[in-house]
Amino acid sequence: MSEATVTAAPSLDPIVLARLTGKLGDTATISKLCATLGDVFAEFLPDMLESELGFDVAVSYAGFETGKYGPLIEGLGGAMAMCDASLRDWCDRFTLICDSPMIITLVENMLGAVSDSIEDPEARPLSKIELDLAAMMFDRISSVLKTAVSGANGYEPFLGHAHNAETRKPTEDGSENDFVAMVNMAVGIGPVLSTFHVVIPQSVLLKSTISAPKAANAPKTRVEWSERLGEQVRRSKVTLEARIRLEAQTLDTISRLQAGDIIPFNESGDVRVEVNANGRNLYVCEFGRSGARYTVRVKDTYGSEDELLQHIIG
């Protein structure tokens, strides 16, 4: 009697399995949902921002992309601020992303720059102060998203810390391979055109009913926004550097210096020290000592308080 041949059942294609389990939608359905959500952002976010900021902000839907979370995020490249967020009873994890020119331009406008005079800033990782403003922008975007997808359930979005895309660490829970949809939005501030993105798992988006939000509470005034921005700026820690001029030396002398050799200060009286942050001079100081610690005493500044803040942020 011959042995029976056992044939293993073929494994189900991952794409087919994802469709059957509601984790992956067809292009037409995802396109409609993303466009509807984009229309909500385009309709309600400009008025919210303009009433708070005091200058015109144009927002429009710029299409969508689909794919797995990790590769889709990596495909955006760097020089972007992002944060992971959640909304109870809707989504355990969605991601908000703003490109750096958007945040840099907002900071410049909030500090008094004229929109038409601002040139398109170069994309770069954001400073701590700029990330503070990015967090405020994520709060506004998520507040519009909340009213569009969850109705009046009373829950508020929970936002993680805003960080540069360059510092993102891939998760180890398998969510990097989740199928997601990314809603792309174009933002115009004066002559600067930038973008923000909302990345949502397709399993969540397919179950969502998206509708225009009802009239919300009165938005914060520009004064309140400015005060909050000012508070964020003043609480942010900035690394200061002190520069002291030393006595001029010949290249021959410099090349022969050894550990223990002494180079005198350039001044014989009070030693002038220039203190800067982010490469910008802030104060003129004199060198001194307090107990066991060396110190500098501020003697003059390079501008007013507002000018110093602009120097630091810029």
Protein backbone atom coordinates (compact mmCIF):
# COMPACT_ATOMS: atom_id res chain seq x y z
CA MET A 1 0.00 0.00 0.00
CA SER A 2 1.54 3.30 -1.09
CA GLU A 3 1.89 6.24 1.25
CA ALA A 4 -0.65 9.02 0.85
CA THR A 5 0.79 12.25 -0.50
CA VAL A 6 0.00 15.25 1.72
CA THR A 7 -0.05 18.62 0.00
CA ALA A 8 0.11 21.78 2.12
CA ALA A 9 -2.59 24.34 1.43
CA PRO A 10 -1.18 27.37 -0.37
CA SER A 11 -0.85 30.43 1.83
CA LEU A 12 -3.21 33.32 1.12
CA ASP A 13 -1.72 36.31 -0.67
CA PRO A 14 -1.02 39.09 1.92
CA ILE A 15 -2.79 41.71 -0.21
CA VAL A 16 -5.88 39.54 -0.55
CA LEU A 17 -5.81 38.78 3.17
CA ALA A 18 -5.54 42.49 4.01
CA ARG A 19 -8.54 43.26 1.82
CA LEU A 20 -10.59 40.46 3.32
CA THR A 21 -9.83 41.60 6.88
CA GLY A 22 -10.60 45.29 6.25
CA LYS A 23 -6.99 46.50 6.48
CA LEU A 24 -6.68 47.52 2.84
CA GLY A 25 -9.26 49.33 0.72
CA ASP A 26 -9.71 49.76 -2.99
CA THR A 27 -8.31 52.90 -4.62
CA ALA A 28 -11.70 54.47 -5.36
CA THR A 29 -12.91 54.19 -1.76
CA ILE A 30 -9.66 55.48 -0.23
CA SER A 31 -9.54 58.32 -2.76
CA LYS A 32 -13.05 59.47 -1.84
CA LEU A 33 -12.39 59.35 1.91
CA CYS A 34 -9.08 61.22 1.61
CA ALA A 35 -10.61 63.88 -0.64
CA THR A 36 -13.50 64.40 1.77
CA LEU A 37 -11.11 64.81 4.69
CA GLY A 38 -8.92 67.13 2.60
CA ASP A 39 -11.95 69.28 1.82
CA VAL A 40 -12.66 69.61 5.55
CA PHE A 41 -9.11 70.80 6.24
CA ALA A 42 -9.29 73.22 3.30
CA GLU A 43 -12.59 74.69 4.48
CA PHE A 44 -12.05 75.04 8.21
CA LEU A 45 -8.31 75.27 8.91
CA PRO A 46 -7.66 78.61 7.10
CA ASP A 47 -10.31 80.50 9.08
CA MET A 48 -9.02 79.03 12.34
CA LEU A 49 -5.42 79.98 11.60
CA GLU A 50 -6.19 83.41 10.15
CA SER A 51 -8.28 84.41 13.18
CA GLU A 52 -5.49 83.32 15.51
CA LEU A 53 -2.45 84.47 13.56
CA GLY A 54 -3.70 87.65 11.95
CA PHE A 55 -2.48 86.91 8.41
CA ASP A 56 -3.84 84.95 5.45
CA VAL A 57 -3.20 81.22 5.23
CA ALA A 58 -4.36 79.26 2.18
CA VAL A 59 -5.00 75.52 2.56
CA SER A 60 -5.95 73.15 -0.26
CA TYR A 61 -6.17 69.40 -0.84
CA ALA A 62 -3.15 68.05 -2.75
CA GLY A 63 -4.04 64.39 -3.26
CA PHE A 64 -3.24 61.23 -1.35
CA GLU A 65 -0.80 58.35 -1.27
CA THR A 66 -1.11 54.80 -0.03
CA GLY A 67 1.35 52.17 1.07
CA LYS A 68 2.87 50.63 4.16
CA TYR A 69 3.52 53.02 7.03
CA GLY A 70 7.31 52.71 7.30
CA PRO A 71 8.22 53.02 3.60
CA LEU A 72 5.67 55.81 3.08
CA ILE A 73 7.09 57.91 5.93
CA GLU A 74 10.68 57.26 4.87
CA GLY A 75 9.79 58.29 1.33
CA LEU A 76 9.03 61.83 2.51
CA GLY A 77 12.70 62.35 3.35
CA GLY A 78 13.96 64.60 6.15
CA ALA A 79 13.55 68.26 7.10
CA MET A 80 10.05 67.66 8.44
CA ALA A 81 8.43 67.82 11.85
CA MET A 82 6.17 64.98 12.88
CA CYS A 83 4.24 63.62 15.82
CA ASP A 84 2.28 60.47 16.53
CA ALA A 85 -1.21 60.99 17.89
CA SER A 86 -4.26 59.02 18.99
CA LEU A 87 -7.96 59.69 19.41
CA ARG A 88 -9.99 57.50 21.73
CA ASP A 89 -12.73 55.48 20.05
CA TRP A 90 -11.34 56.31 16.61
CA CYS A 91 -7.63 55.60 16.08
CA ASP A 92 -4.84 54.30 18.32
CA ARG A 93 -2.16 55.85 16.14
CA PHE A 94 -2.16 58.38 13.34
CA THR A 95 0.72 60.64 12.35
CA LEU A 96 0.85 64.37 11.62
CA ILE A 97 3.70 65.80 9.53
CA CYS A 98 4.60 69.40 8.56
CA ASP A 99 7.46 70.31 6.28
CA SER A 100 10.02 72.66 7.81
CA PRO A 101 9.45 75.67 5.46
CA MET A 102 5.88 75.88 6.75
CA ILE A 103 6.97 76.13 10.38
CA ILE A 104 9.91 78.46 9.66
CA THR A 105 7.60 80.81 7.74
CA LEU A 106 5.00 80.79 10.53
CA VAL A 107 7.66 81.69 13.10
CA GLU A 108 8.93 84.56 10.96
CA ASN A 109 5.41 85.91 10.48
CA MET A 110 4.59 85.62 14.17
CA LEU A 111 7.72 87.63 14.97
CA GLY A 112 6.61 90.48 12.73
CA ALA A 113 7.96 89.69 9.27
CA VAL A 114 5.88 90.78 6.28
CA SER A 115 4.64 87.75 4.34
CA ASP A 116 5.40 89.19 0.90
CA SER A 117 8.99 89.93 1.91
CA ILE A 118 9.74 86.40 3.13
CA GLU A 119 11.68 84.22 0.74
CA ASP A 120 11.04 80.50 0.46
CA PRO A 121 13.13 79.12 3.35
CA GLU A 122 15.51 76.25 2.84
CA ALA A 123 14.24 72.93 4.17
CA ARG A 124 16.21 71.87 7.26
CA PRO A 125 15.71 70.16 10.63
CA LEU A 126 13.84 72.44 13.02
CA SER A 127 15.24 73.97 16.19
CA LYS A 128 13.71 73.30 19.61
CA ILE A 129 11.82 76.60 19.48
CA GLU A 130 10.48 75.86 16.00
CA LEU A 131 9.38 72.39 17.14
CA ASP A 132 7.38 74.11 19.90
CA LEU A 133 5.42 75.97 17.23
CA ALA A 134 5.09 72.76 15.19
CA ALA A 135 3.41 71.18 18.23
CA MET A 136 0.90 74.05 18.28
CA MET A 137 0.20 73.55 14.58
CA PHE A 138 -0.32 69.82 15.11
CA ASP A 139 -2.82 70.72 17.82
CA ARG A 140 -4.84 72.83 15.36
CA ILE A 141 -4.74 70.19 12.62
CA SER A 142 -5.82 67.45 15.04
CA SER A 143 -8.66 69.59 16.38
CA VAL A 144 -10.13 69.89 12.88
CA LEU A 145 -9.56 66.18 12.27
CA LYS A 146 -11.34 65.31 15.53
CA THR A 147 -14.51 67.16 14.61
CA ALA A 148 -14.54 65.65 11.13
CA VAL A 149 -14.25 61.97 12.09
CA SER A 150 -15.58 61.47 15.57
CA GLY A 151 -18.57 63.72 16.08
CA ALA A 152 -19.34 65.02 19.56
CA ASN A 153 -17.86 62.17 21.59
CA GLY A 154 -16.12 64.58 23.95
CA TYR A 155 -12.65 63.09 23.64
CA GLU A 156 -9.60 65.15 22.71
CA PRO A 157 -6.68 63.92 20.60
CA PHE A 158 -3.57 62.87 22.48
CA LEU A 159 -0.45 64.20 20.78
CA GLY A 160 3.05 62.85 21.24
CA HIS A 161 6.04 65.18 21.24
CA ALA A 162 6.90 67.00 18.04
CA HIS A 163 10.24 65.88 16.64
CA ASN A 164 12.32 66.07 13.49
CA ALA A 165 11.82 63.25 11.00
CA GLU A 166 15.55 62.55 11.19
CA THR A 167 15.14 61.36 14.79
CA ARG A 168 12.25 58.98 14.07
CA LYS A 169 12.85 55.43 15.29
CA PRO A 170 10.94 52.62 13.54
CA THR A 171 8.59 50.76 15.85
CA GLU A 172 9.02 47.09 16.67
CA ASP A 173 5.33 46.24 17.02
CA GLY A 174 4.76 45.47 13.35
CA SER A 175 2.91 48.73 12.65
CA GLU A 176 5.63 49.77 10.16
CA ASN A 177 3.96 47.29 7.78
CA ASP A 178 0.41 48.53 8.34
CA PHE A 179 -1.39 49.74 5.22
CA VAL A 180 -2.02 53.48 5.53
CA ALA A 181 -3.33 56.41 3.53
CA MET A 182 -1.60 59.79 3.59
CA VAL A 183 -3.71 62.90 3.04
CA ASN A 184 -1.53 65.63 1.48
CA MET A 185 -2.39 69.30 2.04
CA ALA A 186 -0.80 72.35 0.43
CA VAL A 187 -0.37 75.46 2.59
CA GLY A 188 0.32 78.94 1.23
CA ILE A 189 1.65 81.70 3.50
CA GLY A 190 2.46 84.73 1.36
CA PRO A 191 4.78 83.56 -1.42
CA VAL A 192 5.83 80.41 0.47
CA LEU A 193 4.11 77.17 -0.54
CA SER A 194 4.55 74.25 1.85
CA THR A 195 2.75 71.08 2.90
CA PHE A 196 1.42 69.06 5.76
CA HIS A 197 0.35 65.42 5.81
CA VAL A 198 -1.99 63.25 7.86
CA VAL A 199 -1.19 59.52 7.86
CA ILE A 200 -4.06 57.23 8.88
CA PRO A 201 -4.29 53.41 8.95
CA GLN A 202 -6.60 52.25 6.17
CA SER A 203 -8.31 49.90 8.63
CA VAL A 204 -9.42 53.01 10.56
CA LEU A 205 -10.17 55.20 7.55
CA LEU A 206 -12.41 52.57 5.95
CA LYS A 207 -14.63 52.53 9.05
CA SER A 208 -14.78 56.32 9.37
CA THR A 209 -17.69 58.57 8.57
CA ILE A 210 -16.20 61.91 7.60
CA SER A 211 -18.34 65.04 7.75
CA ALA A 212 -17.83 68.79 8.01
CA PRO A 213 -17.54 69.94 11.63
CA LYS A 214 -20.20 72.01 13.30
CA ALA A 215 -19.45 75.55 14.45
CA ALA A 216 -16.75 75.24 17.08
CA ASN A 217 -15.97 77.32 20.10
CA ALA A 218 -14.61 80.78 19.38
CA PRO A 219 -10.98 80.40 18.36
CA LYS A 220 -8.16 81.97 20.30
CA THR A 221 -7.37 85.52 19.31
CA ARG A 222 -4.07 86.50 17.74
CA VAL A 223 -3.01 88.04 21.05
CA GLU A 224 -3.57 84.72 22.85
CA TRP A 225 -1.66 82.82 20.15
CA SER A 226 1.18 85.34 20.28
CA GLU A 227 1.33 85.13 24.04
CA ARG A 228 1.46 81.35 23.87
CA LEU A 229 4.18 81.44 21.22
CA GLY A 230 6.11 83.94 23.30
CA GLU A 231 5.79 81.70 26.33
CA GLN A 232 7.01 78.70 24.33
CA VAL A 233 9.97 80.72 23.05
CA ARG A 234 10.93 81.97 26.48
CA ARG A 235 10.72 78.51 28.04
CA SER A 236 12.87 76.91 25.37
CA LYS A 237 16.45 76.18 26.36
CA VAL A 238 19.15 77.69 24.16
CA THR A 239 22.85 76.82 24.22
CA LEU A 240 24.99 79.91 24.73
CA GLU A 241 28.61 80.20 23.64
CA ALA A 242 31.16 82.73 24.90
CA ARG A 243 34.02 83.88 22.68
CA ILE A 244 37.15 85.60 24.07
CA ARG A 245 39.83 87.20 21.91
CA LEU A 246 43.33 85.94 22.67
CA GLU A 247 46.65 87.64 22.04
CA ALA A 248 47.76 87.33 18.41
CA GLN A 249 50.38 84.65 17.80
CA THR A 250 52.46 83.73 14.77
CA LEU A 251 51.63 80.52 12.93
CA ASP A 252 55.06 79.20 13.94
CA THR A 253 54.26 79.73 17.64
CA ILE A 254 50.79 78.21 17.29
CA SER A 255 52.16 75.11 15.59
CA ARG A 256 54.55 74.53 18.51
CA LEU A 257 52.04 74.90 21.38
CA GLN A 258 52.01 72.01 23.84
CA ALA A 259 49.78 71.01 26.74
CA GLY A 260 50.43 73.44 29.61
CA ASP A 261 51.47 76.39 27.45
CA ILE A 262 49.66 79.67 28.16
CA ILE A 263 48.09 82.10 25.67
CA PRO A 264 47.29 85.53 27.22
CA PHE A 265 43.96 87.32 26.70
CA ASN A 266 44.01 90.16 24.20
CA GLU A 267 42.97 92.74 26.84
CA SER A 268 44.93 93.60 29.94
CA GLY A 269 41.98 95.09 31.86
CA ASP A 270 38.39 93.82 31.76
CA VAL A 271 38.36 90.95 29.28
CA ARG A 272 35.71 91.44 26.57
CA VAL A 273 33.55 88.39 25.90
CA GLU A 274 30.99 88.01 23.09
CA VAL A 275 28.11 85.66 23.89
CA ASN A 276 26.12 84.13 21.03
CA ALA A 277 23.42 81.53 20.36
CA ASN A 278 22.87 79.77 17.05
CA GLY A 279 25.78 81.77 15.65
CA ARG A 280 24.14 85.13 16.44
CA ASN A 281 25.78 87.62 18.78
CA LEU A 282 23.54 88.49 21.73
CA TYR A 283 25.58 90.18 24.48
CA VAL A 284 28.83 91.96 25.17
CA CYS A 285 30.20 90.71 28.49
CA GLU A 286 33.25 90.89 30.71
CA PHE A 287 35.10 87.85 31.94
CA GLY A 288 35.12 87.11 35.68
CA ARG A 289 34.92 84.53 38.38
CA SER A 290 32.45 83.65 41.14
CA GLY A 291 33.82 81.22 43.70
CA ALA A 292 35.15 78.19 41.88
CA ARG A 293 33.27 78.95 38.65
CA TYR A 294 34.28 81.22 35.79
CA THR A 295 31.53 83.63 34.73
CA VAL A 296 30.68 86.44 32.33
CA ARG A 297 28.88 89.65 33.31
CA VAL A 298 26.53 91.23 30.74
CA LYS A 299 27.60 94.80 29.86
CA ASP A 300 25.61 95.46 26.67
CA THR A 301 23.22 93.77 24.22
CA TYR A 302 23.05 93.59 20.44
CA GLY A 303 19.41 94.69 20.30
CA SER A 304 16.02 94.79 21.97
CA GLU A 305 14.30 91.76 23.51
CA ASP A 306 12.29 91.11 20.34
CA GLU A 307 15.41 91.46 18.18
CA LEU A 308 17.29 89.01 20.40
CA LEU A 309 14.44 86.48 20.09
CA GLN A 310 14.48 86.80 16.32
CA HIS A 311 18.27 86.35 16.28
CA ILE A 312 18.02 83.20 18.39
CA ILE A 313 15.19 81.64 16.38
CA GLY A 314 16.73 82.57 13.02
